Each structure stands twice: as C-alpha cells, then as structure tokens.
Protein backbone atom coordinates (compact mmCIF):
# COMPACT_ATOMS: atom_id res chain seq x y z
CA UNK A 1 -4.70 26.67 -165.90
CA UNK A 2 -5.01 23.07 -164.09
CA UNK A 3 -7.77 20.55 -165.11
CA UNK A 4 -9.39 17.47 -163.17
CA UNK A 5 -8.11 14.20 -164.99
CA UNK A 6 -8.13 11.71 -162.39
CA UNK A 7 -10.00 8.62 -162.65
CA UNK A 8 -12.14 7.69 -159.36
CA UNK A 9 -11.55 4.04 -157.65
CA UNK A 10 -14.47 4.61 -155.58
CA UNK A 11 -17.02 1.81 -156.45
CA UNK A 12 -19.66 3.68 -158.52
CA UNK A 13 -23.17 4.69 -157.04
CA UNK A 14 -26.40 3.14 -157.80
CA UNK A 15 -29.10 5.33 -158.39
CA UNK A 16 -30.72 7.29 -156.12
CA UNK A 17 -33.63 5.16 -154.55
CA UNK A 18 -31.79 2.21 -155.41
CA UNK A 19 -28.86 2.31 -152.88
CA UNK A 20 -27.88 -1.41 -151.98
CA UNK A 21 -28.08 -2.66 -148.32
CA UNK A 22 -24.97 -3.76 -147.04
CA UNK A 23 -25.96 -4.71 -143.74
CA UNK A 24 -28.60 -6.37 -141.73
CA UNK A 25 -28.62 -4.99 -138.25
CA UNK A 26 -32.65 -5.89 -137.72
CA UNK A 27 -31.27 -9.71 -138.22
CA UNK A 28 -29.37 -9.93 -135.09
CA UNK A 29 -30.74 -12.17 -132.68
CA UNK A 30 -33.18 -14.23 -135.02
CA UNK A 31 -32.78 -17.82 -136.32
CA UNK A 32 -29.98 -18.41 -139.12
CA UNK A 33 -33.04 -18.75 -140.97
CA UNK A 34 -35.18 -16.05 -140.41
CA UNK A 35 -32.07 -13.96 -141.45
CA UNK A 36 -31.19 -15.65 -144.86
CA UNK A 37 -34.66 -15.13 -145.49
CA UNK A 38 -34.73 -11.56 -144.74
CA UNK A 39 -30.90 -10.59 -146.12
CA UNK A 40 -32.48 -12.80 -149.79
CA UNK A 41 -35.45 -10.54 -149.82
CA UNK A 42 -33.23 -7.91 -150.04
CA UNK A 43 -30.24 -9.06 -151.56
CA UNK A 44 -31.42 -12.40 -154.00
CA UNK A 45 -28.33 -12.77 -155.01
CA UNK A 46 -26.39 -13.49 -151.98
CA UNK A 47 -24.14 -16.01 -151.52
CA UNK A 48 -24.21 -16.53 -147.85
CA UNK A 49 -21.94 -18.40 -145.42
CA UNK A 50 -23.09 -19.31 -141.82
CA UNK A 51 -19.84 -19.17 -139.75
CA UNK A 52 -19.17 -20.08 -136.08
CA UNK A 53 -17.67 -16.81 -134.46
CA UNK A 54 -14.49 -16.86 -134.44
CA UNK A 55 -13.61 -19.24 -137.18
CA UNK A 56 -10.63 -18.36 -140.23
CA UNK A 57 -12.33 -16.72 -143.44
CA UNK A 58 -10.99 -15.18 -146.01
CA UNK A 59 -10.37 -12.12 -146.80
CA UNK A 60 -11.10 -10.93 -150.39
CA UNK A 61 -13.91 -9.07 -150.93
CA UNK A 62 -17.04 -10.13 -152.55
CA UNK A 63 -19.95 -7.92 -153.44
CA UNK A 64 -22.30 -10.56 -152.79
CA UNK A 65 -21.15 -12.50 -149.88
CA UNK A 66 -22.80 -11.99 -146.56
CA UNK A 67 -21.34 -13.78 -143.57
CA UNK A 68 -23.78 -14.57 -140.86
CA UNK A 69 -21.62 -15.16 -137.64
CA UNK A 70 -23.26 -17.21 -134.99
CA UNK A 71 -21.68 -18.00 -131.53
CA UNK A 72 -24.77 -19.54 -129.74
CA UNK A 73 -25.14 -22.75 -128.56
CA UNK A 74 -29.00 -23.79 -128.70
CA UNK A 75 -29.31 -26.93 -127.15
CA UNK A 76 -27.45 -28.87 -124.32
CA UNK A 77 -24.15 -30.40 -125.42
CA UNK A 78 -23.84 -34.11 -124.46
C-alpha cells in the first residue's frame, strides 16, 4: 500500500472569503493616481511601480509588487 507523502510547492491558499486580488482590469483607461488608489484599497501593502510600455523590468517575483504599464501620451510633446 502506497501513501502520498509529497509536499506541495503551490502557494498556500487564503481562507475562504479572503482571496487576494492579483489583477485589476477595472483600472484600464483610468489615470495613474486613480489606478493606484483602487489597487491600494484592495492591497494596502502594494509596492506599485509605474513603467513605460516596453521598458525593461526584473523578473523576480514579489507578492506585493504591482506594475502599472503606461503607453499613452497625455500632452503635446514640444
């Protein structure tokens, strides 16, 4: 008789009703400040990085990092 004795590498799940949000599609099209406010309401300890689209970024995983990628020109360049 074999018994299952493997340890899981998966991240522990939050208790029912306490699922942590990991993406915010509702902020697409909003200002950076509005997006930050919404994200921080859901994840108060978020370390928010605002980066231009196409910029280089590290690939290390941090559970509290949220990246806002922007690609819109807001004013006339001169």
